[in-house]
Amino acid sequence: MDTALDIVLEVFSWLGFGAGLLLGVVAVILWAADGTWLPADALVDHEDDGTVVRWFDADGDANAAHPSPAEAQHLVGADRAPIWYRHGWRGRMRLTRRAPGFRAVAWAAASMLALGVVSLATSWILLFARG
């Protein structure tokens, strides 16, 4: 019985640390590929052909973008909204600082690393408790 538990804890340790490292590398790649996004206070115009978000960027240039349908639904009834725009690009904005895909991968990496740490700690506790 003790041997089976040791094997399971060992597998979970390797799985947690390995998958956590792999997902961490993927998260860093996604973060780097996402680029630089800067905050802005935007005006929201509700027009007949859809919602338009307008803002001034860090260089003082006027920008405008049509939000995605989900973002437009979130902006219903709003005259102003805090947004994030892509530095160096025109017409790129979103309502969150980080991309949702990055956030999911980062949480998965942290969860797998936590699994590895808990499994390793449990293995050590059982090793020392058995004497």
N, C-alpha and C. Protein backbone atom coordinates (compact mmCIF):
# COMPACT_ATOMS: atom_id res chain seq x y z
N MET A 1 0.83 -1.19 0.00
CA MET A 1 0.00 0.00 0.00
C MET A 1 0.87 1.25 0.00
N ASP A 2 1.92 1.24 0.83
CA ASP A 2 2.80 2.41 0.89
C ASP A 2 3.52 2.63 -0.44
N THR A 3 3.88 1.55 -1.10
CA THR A 3 4.58 1.65 -2.37
C THR A 3 3.70 2.26 -3.45
N ALA A 4 2.42 1.86 -3.47
CA ALA A 4 1.50 2.42 -4.46
C ALA A 4 1.31 3.92 -4.24
N LEU A 5 1.17 4.34 -3.00
CA LEU A 5 1.01 5.77 -2.70
C LEU A 5 2.27 6.54 -3.08
N ASP A 6 3.44 5.95 -2.82
CA ASP A 6 4.69 6.60 -3.22
C ASP A 6 4.78 6.77 -4.73
N ILE A 7 4.34 5.75 -5.46
CA ILE A 7 4.38 5.82 -6.92
C ILE A 7 3.44 6.91 -7.43
N VAL A 8 2.23 6.96 -6.88
CA VAL A 8 1.26 7.98 -7.29
C VAL A 8 1.78 9.38 -6.99
N LEU A 9 2.36 9.57 -5.81
CA LEU A 9 2.91 10.89 -5.47
C LEU A 9 4.09 11.26 -6.37
N GLU A 10 4.91 10.28 -6.69
CA GLU A 10 6.04 10.53 -7.60
C GLU A 10 5.55 10.93 -8.99
N VAL A 11 4.54 10.22 -9.49
CA VAL A 11 3.98 10.55 -10.81
C VAL A 11 3.38 11.95 -10.80
N PHE A 12 2.60 12.27 -9.75
CA PHE A 12 2.00 13.60 -9.66
C PHE A 12 3.06 14.69 -9.52
N SER A 13 4.15 14.40 -8.84
CA SER A 13 5.24 15.39 -8.73
C SER A 13 5.84 15.69 -10.10
N TRP A 14 6.20 14.64 -10.83
CA TRP A 14 6.78 14.84 -12.15
C TRP A 14 5.79 15.48 -13.12
N LEU A 15 4.56 15.02 -13.06
CA LEU A 15 3.53 15.58 -13.93
C LEU A 15 3.29 17.06 -13.62
N GLY A 16 3.20 17.39 -12.35
CA GLY A 16 2.97 18.78 -11.95
C GLY A 16 4.10 19.70 -12.35
N PHE A 17 5.33 19.31 -12.04
CA PHE A 17 6.48 20.15 -12.38
C PHE A 17 6.72 20.22 -13.89
N GLY A 18 6.57 19.10 -14.57
CA GLY A 18 6.79 19.07 -16.03
C GLY A 18 5.74 19.89 -16.77
N ALA A 19 4.47 19.65 -16.48
CA ALA A 19 3.41 20.40 -17.14
C ALA A 19 3.44 21.87 -16.73
N GLY A 20 3.78 22.13 -15.47
CA GLY A 20 3.88 23.53 -15.02
C GLY A 20 4.98 24.27 -15.76
N LEU A 21 6.12 23.63 -15.96
CA LEU A 21 7.22 24.24 -16.70
C LEU A 21 6.83 24.47 -18.16
N LEU A 22 6.23 23.46 -18.78
CA LEU A 22 5.82 23.57 -20.18
C LEU A 22 4.77 24.68 -20.36
N LEU A 23 3.77 24.70 -19.50
CA LEU A 23 2.74 25.74 -19.58
C LEU A 23 3.31 27.13 -19.24
N GLY A 24 4.29 27.17 -18.35
CA GLY A 24 4.95 28.44 -18.05
C GLY A 24 5.69 29.00 -19.26
N VAL A 25 6.35 28.13 -20.01
CA VAL A 25 7.03 28.56 -21.24
C VAL A 25 6.00 29.06 -22.25
N VAL A 26 4.89 28.34 -22.38
CA VAL A 26 3.83 28.78 -23.30
C VAL A 26 3.27 30.13 -22.86
N ALA A 27 3.10 30.34 -21.56
CA ALA A 27 2.60 31.61 -21.05
C ALA A 27 3.56 32.76 -21.37
N VAL A 28 4.85 32.52 -21.23
CA VAL A 28 5.84 33.56 -21.55
C VAL A 28 5.81 33.88 -23.04
N ILE A 29 5.67 32.86 -23.87
CA ILE A 29 5.58 33.09 -25.32
C ILE A 29 4.33 33.89 -25.66
N LEU A 30 3.19 33.53 -25.06
CA LEU A 30 1.95 34.28 -25.30
C LEU A 30 2.07 35.72 -24.82
N TRP A 31 2.71 35.92 -23.67
CA TRP A 31 2.88 37.27 -23.13
C TRP A 31 3.75 38.11 -24.06
N ALA A 32 4.83 37.54 -24.56
CA ALA A 32 5.73 38.27 -25.45
C ALA A 32 5.06 38.56 -26.79
N ALA A 33 4.30 37.61 -27.30
CA ALA A 33 3.64 37.79 -28.59
C ALA A 33 2.49 38.80 -28.51
N ASP A 34 1.94 38.98 -27.33
CA ASP A 34 0.81 39.89 -27.16
C ASP A 34 1.20 41.34 -27.36
N GLY A 35 2.43 41.70 -27.08
CA GLY A 35 2.89 43.06 -27.29
C GLY A 35 2.54 43.98 -26.14
N THR A 36 2.72 45.28 -26.38
CA THR A 36 2.51 46.29 -25.35
C THR A 36 1.13 46.91 -25.52
N TRP A 37 0.38 46.91 -24.45
CA TRP A 37 -0.95 47.53 -24.43
C TRP A 37 -0.94 48.61 -23.37
N LEU A 38 -1.41 49.79 -23.72
CA LEU A 38 -1.42 50.94 -22.82
C LEU A 38 -2.84 51.31 -22.44
N PRO A 39 -3.03 51.85 -21.22
CA PRO A 39 -4.38 52.22 -20.80
C PRO A 39 -4.80 53.57 -21.40
N ALA A 40 -6.10 53.72 -21.58
CA ALA A 40 -6.66 54.99 -22.06
C ALA A 40 -8.10 55.10 -21.56
N ASP A 41 -8.56 56.32 -21.48
CA ASP A 41 -9.96 56.57 -21.16
C ASP A 41 -10.64 56.89 -22.48
N ALA A 42 -11.61 56.08 -22.86
CA ALA A 42 -12.20 56.20 -24.19
C ALA A 42 -13.64 56.70 -24.12
N LEU A 43 -14.04 57.34 -25.21
CA LEU A 43 -15.43 57.73 -25.39
C LEU A 43 -16.12 56.64 -26.18
N VAL A 44 -17.33 56.29 -25.79
CA VAL A 44 -18.08 55.24 -26.46
C VAL A 44 -19.24 55.89 -27.20
N ASP A 45 -19.25 55.72 -28.52
CA ASP A 45 -20.33 56.24 -29.36
C ASP A 45 -21.19 55.08 -29.82
N HIS A 46 -22.49 55.20 -29.56
CA HIS A 46 -23.45 54.19 -30.01
C HIS A 46 -24.11 54.73 -31.27
N GLU A 47 -23.68 54.22 -32.42
CA GLU A 47 -24.19 54.70 -33.70
C GLU A 47 -25.12 53.65 -34.30
N ASP A 48 -25.76 54.01 -35.41
CA ASP A 48 -26.70 53.09 -36.06
C ASP A 48 -26.03 51.83 -36.57
N ASP A 49 -24.78 51.96 -37.04
CA ASP A 49 -24.09 50.79 -37.59
C ASP A 49 -23.28 50.03 -36.54
N GLY A 50 -23.39 50.40 -35.29
CA GLY A 50 -22.69 49.70 -34.22
C GLY A 50 -22.02 50.64 -33.24
N THR A 51 -21.29 50.07 -32.34
CA THR A 51 -20.58 50.83 -31.32
C THR A 51 -19.18 51.17 -31.82
N VAL A 52 -18.78 52.42 -31.56
CA VAL A 52 -17.43 52.87 -31.91
C VAL A 52 -16.78 53.42 -30.64
N VAL A 53 -15.55 53.01 -30.39
CA VAL A 53 -14.79 53.48 -29.24
C VAL A 53 -13.70 54.41 -29.76
N ARG A 54 -13.62 55.61 -29.17
CA ARG A 54 -12.63 56.61 -29.61
C ARG A 54 -11.77 57.03 -28.42
N TRP A 55 -10.46 57.22 -28.68
CA TRP A 55 -9.54 57.63 -27.63
C TRP A 55 -8.34 58.32 -28.23
N PHE A 56 -7.58 58.99 -27.36
CA PHE A 56 -6.31 59.60 -27.73
C PHE A 56 -5.20 58.73 -27.17
N ASP A 57 -4.21 58.42 -28.03
CA ASP A 57 -3.12 57.57 -27.56
C ASP A 57 -2.02 58.39 -26.92
N ALA A 58 -0.93 57.74 -26.54
CA ALA A 58 0.17 58.40 -25.83
C ALA A 58 0.86 59.46 -26.69
N ASP A 59 0.78 59.33 -28.03
CA ASP A 59 1.37 60.31 -28.93
C ASP A 59 0.44 61.47 -29.23
N GLY A 60 -0.78 61.43 -28.69
CA GLY A 60 -1.75 62.49 -28.93
C GLY A 60 -2.59 62.28 -30.18
N ASP A 61 -2.44 61.14 -30.84
CA ASP A 61 -3.22 60.85 -32.03
C ASP A 61 -4.60 60.32 -31.65
N ALA A 62 -5.60 60.71 -32.44
CA ALA A 62 -6.96 60.21 -32.22
C ALA A 62 -7.08 58.83 -32.85
N ASN A 63 -7.70 57.91 -32.14
CA ASN A 63 -7.90 56.54 -32.61
C ASN A 63 -9.36 56.15 -32.45
N ALA A 64 -9.77 55.19 -33.21
CA ALA A 64 -11.13 54.65 -33.12
C ALA A 64 -11.09 53.18 -33.46
N ALA A 65 -12.00 52.43 -32.85
CA ALA A 65 -12.09 50.99 -33.12
C ALA A 65 -13.52 50.53 -32.91
N HIS A 66 -13.90 49.52 -33.66
CA HIS A 66 -15.18 48.86 -33.46
C HIS A 66 -14.93 47.68 -32.53
N PRO A 67 -15.54 47.66 -31.37
CA PRO A 67 -15.32 46.54 -30.44
C PRO A 67 -15.97 45.26 -30.95
N SER A 68 -15.51 44.15 -30.43
CA SER A 68 -16.11 42.86 -30.77
C SER A 68 -17.54 42.83 -30.23
N PRO A 69 -18.36 41.92 -30.71
CA PRO A 69 -19.74 41.86 -30.20
C PRO A 69 -19.83 41.69 -28.68
N ALA A 70 -18.95 40.90 -28.10
CA ALA A 70 -18.96 40.72 -26.64
C ALA A 70 -18.56 42.01 -25.93
N GLU A 71 -17.56 42.70 -26.46
CA GLU A 71 -17.16 43.98 -25.87
C GLU A 71 -18.26 45.02 -26.05
N ALA A 72 -18.90 45.03 -27.21
CA ALA A 72 -19.99 45.98 -27.45
C ALA A 72 -21.14 45.73 -26.48
N GLN A 73 -21.42 44.48 -26.18
CA GLN A 73 -22.48 44.15 -25.21
C GLN A 73 -22.11 44.67 -23.83
N HIS A 74 -20.83 44.58 -23.48
CA HIS A 74 -20.36 45.07 -22.19
C HIS A 74 -20.44 46.61 -22.11
N LEU A 75 -20.33 47.27 -23.25
CA LEU A 75 -20.33 48.73 -23.30
C LEU A 75 -21.72 49.35 -23.48
N VAL A 76 -22.76 48.54 -23.52
CA VAL A 76 -24.12 49.07 -23.71
C VAL A 76 -24.45 50.05 -22.60
N GLY A 77 -24.89 51.25 -23.00
CA GLY A 77 -25.27 52.27 -22.04
C GLY A 77 -24.13 53.09 -21.47
N ALA A 78 -22.90 52.77 -21.83
CA ALA A 78 -21.74 53.50 -21.30
C ALA A 78 -21.35 54.61 -22.26
N ASP A 79 -21.01 55.77 -21.70
CA ASP A 79 -20.51 56.89 -22.50
C ASP A 79 -18.99 56.93 -22.50
N ARG A 80 -18.37 56.42 -21.44
CA ARG A 80 -16.92 56.38 -21.29
C ARG A 80 -16.55 55.01 -20.76
N ALA A 81 -15.35 54.59 -21.08
CA ALA A 81 -14.89 53.28 -20.60
C ALA A 81 -13.36 53.27 -20.54
N PRO A 82 -12.80 52.64 -19.52
CA PRO A 82 -11.35 52.43 -19.50
C PRO A 82 -11.02 51.29 -20.46
N ILE A 83 -10.07 51.52 -21.35
CA ILE A 83 -9.69 50.51 -22.34
C ILE A 83 -8.18 50.33 -22.32
N TRP A 84 -7.73 49.36 -23.07
CA TRP A 84 -6.31 49.11 -23.33
C TRP A 84 -6.14 49.10 -24.84
N TYR A 85 -5.19 49.88 -25.35
CA TYR A 85 -4.96 49.92 -26.79
C TYR A 85 -3.55 49.43 -27.09
N ARG A 86 -3.39 48.90 -28.29
CA ARG A 86 -2.10 48.33 -28.70
C ARG A 86 -1.16 49.46 -29.11
N HIS A 87 -0.04 49.54 -28.43
CA HIS A 87 0.95 50.59 -28.70
C HIS A 87 1.54 50.40 -30.10
N GLY A 88 1.51 51.48 -30.89
CA GLY A 88 2.08 51.43 -32.23
C GLY A 88 1.11 50.96 -33.30
N TRP A 89 -0.10 50.62 -32.93
CA TRP A 89 -1.09 50.15 -33.89
C TRP A 89 -2.28 51.10 -33.87
N ARG A 90 -3.04 51.12 -34.93
CA ARG A 90 -4.25 51.93 -34.99
C ARG A 90 -5.46 51.01 -35.02
N GLY A 91 -6.48 51.38 -34.28
CA GLY A 91 -7.72 50.63 -34.32
C GLY A 91 -7.71 49.32 -33.55
N ARG A 92 -6.79 49.15 -32.60
CA ARG A 92 -6.74 47.92 -31.79
C ARG A 92 -7.00 48.30 -30.34
N MET A 93 -8.04 47.74 -29.76
CA MET A 93 -8.36 47.99 -28.36
C MET A 93 -9.01 46.76 -27.76
N ARG A 94 -8.98 46.71 -26.43
CA ARG A 94 -9.70 45.68 -25.69
C ARG A 94 -10.01 46.22 -24.30
N LEU A 95 -10.84 45.52 -23.58
CA LEU A 95 -11.29 46.00 -22.27
C LEU A 95 -10.46 45.44 -21.12
N THR A 96 -9.59 44.49 -21.39
CA THR A 96 -8.75 43.89 -20.34
C THR A 96 -7.28 44.10 -20.67
N ARG A 97 -6.45 44.14 -19.65
CA ARG A 97 -5.03 44.37 -19.85
C ARG A 97 -4.36 43.19 -20.55
N ARG A 98 -4.68 42.00 -20.11
CA ARG A 98 -4.09 40.79 -20.68
C ARG A 98 -5.14 40.02 -21.47
N ALA A 99 -4.68 39.28 -22.45
CA ALA A 99 -5.57 38.46 -23.27
C ALA A 99 -6.14 37.32 -22.42
N PRO A 100 -7.39 36.94 -22.65
CA PRO A 100 -7.99 35.84 -21.87
C PRO A 100 -7.23 34.53 -22.01
N GLY A 101 -6.67 34.25 -23.17
CA GLY A 101 -5.90 33.02 -23.37
C GLY A 101 -4.66 32.98 -22.50
N PHE A 102 -3.99 34.11 -22.36
CA PHE A 102 -2.81 34.18 -21.51
C PHE A 102 -3.18 33.90 -20.06
N ARG A 103 -4.26 34.50 -19.62
CA ARG A 103 -4.70 34.33 -18.23
C ARG A 103 -5.01 32.85 -17.94
N ALA A 104 -5.66 32.17 -18.88
CA ALA A 104 -5.99 30.76 -18.69
C ALA A 104 -4.72 29.89 -18.62
N VAL A 105 -3.78 30.16 -19.50
CA VAL A 105 -2.54 29.37 -19.51
C VAL A 105 -1.71 29.65 -18.26
N ALA A 106 -1.67 30.89 -17.81
CA ALA A 106 -0.92 31.23 -16.60
C ALA A 106 -1.53 30.54 -15.37
N TRP A 107 -2.84 30.54 -15.27
CA TRP A 107 -3.50 29.84 -14.16
C TRP A 107 -3.25 28.33 -14.23
N ALA A 108 -3.29 27.77 -15.42
CA ALA A 108 -3.02 26.34 -15.57
C ALA A 108 -1.59 26.01 -15.15
N ALA A 109 -0.64 26.86 -15.54
CA ALA A 109 0.76 26.64 -15.15
C ALA A 109 0.92 26.72 -13.63
N ALA A 110 0.30 27.71 -13.01
CA ALA A 110 0.38 27.84 -11.55
C ALA A 110 -0.27 26.65 -10.85
N SER A 111 -1.38 26.18 -11.39
CA SER A 111 -2.07 25.03 -10.79
C SER A 111 -1.23 23.77 -10.89
N MET A 112 -0.60 23.56 -12.02
CA MET A 112 0.23 22.37 -12.18
C MET A 112 1.47 22.44 -11.28
N LEU A 113 2.06 23.62 -11.16
CA LEU A 113 3.20 23.76 -10.25
C LEU A 113 2.77 23.52 -8.80
N ALA A 114 1.57 23.98 -8.44
CA ALA A 114 1.05 23.73 -7.09
C ALA A 114 0.85 22.23 -6.86
N LEU A 115 0.35 21.54 -7.87
CA LEU A 115 0.21 20.08 -7.77
C LEU A 115 1.56 19.42 -7.52
N GLY A 116 2.57 19.87 -8.25
CA GLY A 116 3.91 19.31 -8.06
C GLY A 116 4.45 19.57 -6.66
N VAL A 117 4.26 20.79 -6.16
CA VAL A 117 4.77 21.15 -4.82
C VAL A 117 4.04 20.34 -3.75
N VAL A 118 2.71 20.26 -3.85
CA VAL A 118 1.94 19.52 -2.84
C VAL A 118 2.31 18.04 -2.87
N SER A 119 2.46 17.48 -4.05
CA SER A 119 2.83 16.06 -4.15
C SER A 119 4.22 15.81 -3.57
N LEU A 120 5.16 16.69 -3.89
CA LEU A 120 6.52 16.53 -3.37
C LEU A 120 6.55 16.69 -1.85
N ALA A 121 5.83 17.68 -1.33
CA ALA A 121 5.79 17.90 0.12
C ALA A 121 5.14 16.71 0.82
N THR A 122 4.06 16.19 0.25
CA THR A 122 3.41 15.03 0.85
C THR A 122 4.34 13.82 0.83
N SER A 123 5.06 13.65 -0.25
CA SER A 123 6.01 12.54 -0.35
C SER A 123 7.09 12.65 0.72
N TRP A 124 7.62 13.85 0.91
CA TRP A 124 8.66 14.04 1.94
C TRP A 124 8.10 13.83 3.35
N ILE A 125 6.90 14.32 3.58
CA ILE A 125 6.29 14.15 4.91
C ILE A 125 6.12 12.66 5.20
N LEU A 126 5.62 11.90 4.22
CA LEU A 126 5.46 10.46 4.42
C LEU A 126 6.81 9.76 4.59
N LEU A 127 7.82 10.21 3.85
CA LEU A 127 9.15 9.60 3.97
C LEU A 127 9.70 9.77 5.38
N PHE A 128 9.59 11.00 5.94
CA PHE A 128 10.13 11.25 7.27
C PHE A 128 9.22 10.66 8.37
N ALA A 129 7.92 10.57 8.11
CA ALA A 129 7.02 10.01 9.11
C ALA A 129 7.22 8.50 9.26
N ARG A 130 7.60 7.84 8.17
CA ARG A 130 7.85 6.39 8.24
C ARG A 130 9.18 6.07 8.91
N GLY A 131 10.07 7.04 8.94
CA GLY A 131 11.35 6.85 9.60
C GLY A 131 12.33 6.26 8.76
